[in-house]
Amino acid sequence: MNTCSLSEFMQTLTPWLSSDYLKKASLDNKGHLILLFTDGIQNVYNIDDCTEPQLKEILDNLKKKGIQVED
């Protein structure tokens, strides 16, 4: 699991914001953001300065980019 700030997460995620790279995104029951990449790699992020509404906004933005989001 990677612990980071929201700005660090967004910098890390920016190059991969495409359904060519990201297969699915979801939140677990602890509020961790889980990203599944098309190559089968799964990364779990604990964004330590982010509220639940901000996390849901991230998921909404991923969905708008054509990435499957699991509620």
C-alpha atoms as a PDB file:
ATOM      1  CA  MET A   1       0.000   0.000   0.000  1.00  0.00           C
ATOM      2  CA  ASN A   2       1.217   3.477  -0.866  1.00  0.00           C
ATOM      3  CA  THR A   3       0.495   6.324   1.563  1.00  0.00           C
ATOM      4  CA  CYS A   4       0.599   9.741  -0.052  1.00  0.00           C
ATOM      5  CA  SER A   5      -1.036  13.144  -0.209  1.00  0.00           C
ATOM      6  CA  LEU A   6      -3.720  13.957  -2.747  1.00  0.00           C
ATOM      7  CA  SER A   7      -1.319  16.074  -4.816  1.00  0.00           C
ATOM      8  CA  GLU A   8       1.297  13.288  -4.827  1.00  0.00           C
ATOM      9  CA  PHE A   9      -1.358  10.787  -5.895  1.00  0.00           C
ATOM     10  CA  MET A  10      -2.564  13.008  -8.737  1.00  0.00           C
ATOM     11  CA  GLN A  11       1.007  13.496  -9.994  1.00  0.00           C
ATOM     12  CA  THR A  12       1.529   9.740  -9.950  1.00  0.00           C
ATOM     13  CA  LEU A  13      -1.790   9.003 -11.639  1.00  0.00           C
ATOM     14  CA  THR A  14      -1.705  11.612 -14.415  1.00  0.00           C
ATOM     15  CA  PRO A  15       0.340   9.577 -16.956  1.00  0.00           C
ATOM     16  CA  TRP A  16      -2.011   6.593 -16.525  1.00  0.00           C
ATOM     17  CA  LEU A  17      -5.369   8.379 -16.910  1.00  0.00           C
ATOM     18  CA  SER A  18      -6.618   6.261 -19.761  1.00  0.00           C
ATOM     19  CA  SER A  19      -8.621   3.076 -20.128  1.00  0.00           C
ATOM     20  CA  ASP A  20      -5.620   1.845 -22.149  1.00  0.00           C
ATOM     21  CA  TYR A  21      -3.742   1.568 -18.838  1.00  0.00           C
ATOM     22  CA  LEU A  22      -6.347   1.526 -16.064  1.00  0.00           C
ATOM     23  CA  LYS A  23      -8.901  -1.265 -16.050  1.00  0.00           C
ATOM     24  CA  LYS A  24     -10.797  -0.562 -12.839  1.00  0.00           C
ATOM     25  CA  ALA A  25     -10.858   1.718  -9.795  1.00  0.00           C
ATOM     26  CA  SER A  26     -12.628   1.260  -6.482  1.00  0.00           C
ATOM     27  CA  LEU A  27     -12.631   2.148  -2.804  1.00  0.00           C
ATOM     28  CA  ASP A  28     -12.273  -0.522  -0.158  1.00  0.00           C
ATOM     29  CA  ASN A  29     -14.131  -0.473   3.156  1.00  0.00           C
ATOM     30  CA  LYS A  30     -11.210   1.380   4.797  1.00  0.00           C
ATOM     31  CA  GLY A  31     -11.307   4.251   2.289  1.00  0.00           C
ATOM     32  CA  HIS A  32      -8.258   3.095   0.323  1.00  0.00           C
ATOM     33  CA  LEU A  33      -8.290   3.741  -3.403  1.00  0.00           C
ATOM     34  CA  ILE A  34      -7.585   0.584  -5.406  1.00  0.00           C
ATOM     35  CA  LEU A  35      -6.422   0.798  -9.011  1.00  0.00           C
ATOM     36  CA  LEU A  36      -6.284  -2.277 -11.245  1.00  0.00           C
ATOM     37  CA  PHE A  37      -4.147  -1.797 -14.341  1.00  0.00           C
ATOM     38  CA  THR A  38      -4.718  -3.587 -17.634  1.00  0.00           C
ATOM     39  CA  ASP A  39      -1.531  -5.639 -17.130  1.00  0.00           C
ATOM     40  CA  GLY A  40      -3.002  -7.133 -13.923  1.00  0.00           C
ATOM     41  CA  ILE A  41      -1.008  -4.994 -11.475  1.00  0.00           C
ATOM     42  CA  GLN A  42      -3.057  -3.690  -8.553  1.00  0.00           C
ATOM     43  CA  ASN A  43      -1.999  -0.669  -6.488  1.00  0.00           C
ATOM     44  CA  VAL A  44      -3.637   0.372  -3.226  1.00  0.00           C
ATOM     45  CA  TYR A  45      -3.394   4.002  -2.112  1.00  0.00           C
ATOM     46  CA  ASN A  46      -4.017   5.491   1.300  1.00  0.00           C
ATOM     47  CA  ILE A  47      -4.440   9.187   0.534  1.00  0.00           C
ATOM     48  CA  ASP A  48      -3.854  10.686   3.950  1.00  0.00           C
ATOM     49  CA  ASP A  49      -5.114  14.232   3.384  1.00  0.00           C
ATOM     50  CA  CYS A  50      -8.286  13.450   1.477  1.00  0.00           C
ATOM     51  CA  THR A  51     -11.934  13.312   2.502  1.00  0.00           C
ATOM     52  CA  GLU A  52     -14.423  10.715   1.303  1.00  0.00           C
ATOM     53  CA  PRO A  53     -16.176  13.240  -0.996  1.00  0.00           C
ATOM     54  CA  GLN A  54     -12.794  14.033  -2.587  1.00  0.00           C
ATOM     55  CA  LEU A  55     -12.163  10.320  -3.148  1.00  0.00           C
ATOM     56  CA  LYS A  56     -15.586   9.957  -4.761  1.00  0.00           C
ATOM     57  CA  GLU A  57     -14.765  12.931  -7.006  1.00  0.00           C
ATOM     58  CA  ILE A  58     -11.576  11.164  -8.104  1.00  0.00           C
ATOM     59  CA  LEU A  59     -13.625   8.066  -8.957  1.00  0.00           C
ATOM     60  CA  ASP A  60     -16.182  10.180 -10.862  1.00  0.00           C
ATOM     61  CA  ASN A  61     -13.366  11.734 -12.911  1.00  0.00           C
ATOM     62  CA  LEU A  62     -11.931   8.304 -13.687  1.00  0.00           C
ATOM     63  CA  LYS A  63     -15.379   7.126 -14.821  1.00  0.00           C
ATOM     64  CA  LYS A  64     -15.644  10.147 -17.152  1.00  0.00           C
ATOM     65  CA  LYS A  65     -12.346   9.045 -18.737  1.00  0.00           C
ATOM     66  CA  GLY A  66     -13.860   5.644 -19.584  1.00  0.00           C
ATOM     67  CA  ILE A  67     -12.328   3.714 -16.688  1.00  0.00           C
ATOM     68  CA  GLN A  68     -14.573   1.160 -14.965  1.00  0.00           C
ATOM     69  CA  VAL A  69     -15.395   2.292 -11.427  1.00  0.00           C
ATOM     70  CA  GLU A  70     -16.738  -0.134  -8.876  1.00  0.00           C
ATOM     71  CA  ASP A  71     -19.036   1.414  -6.279  1.00  0.00           C
END
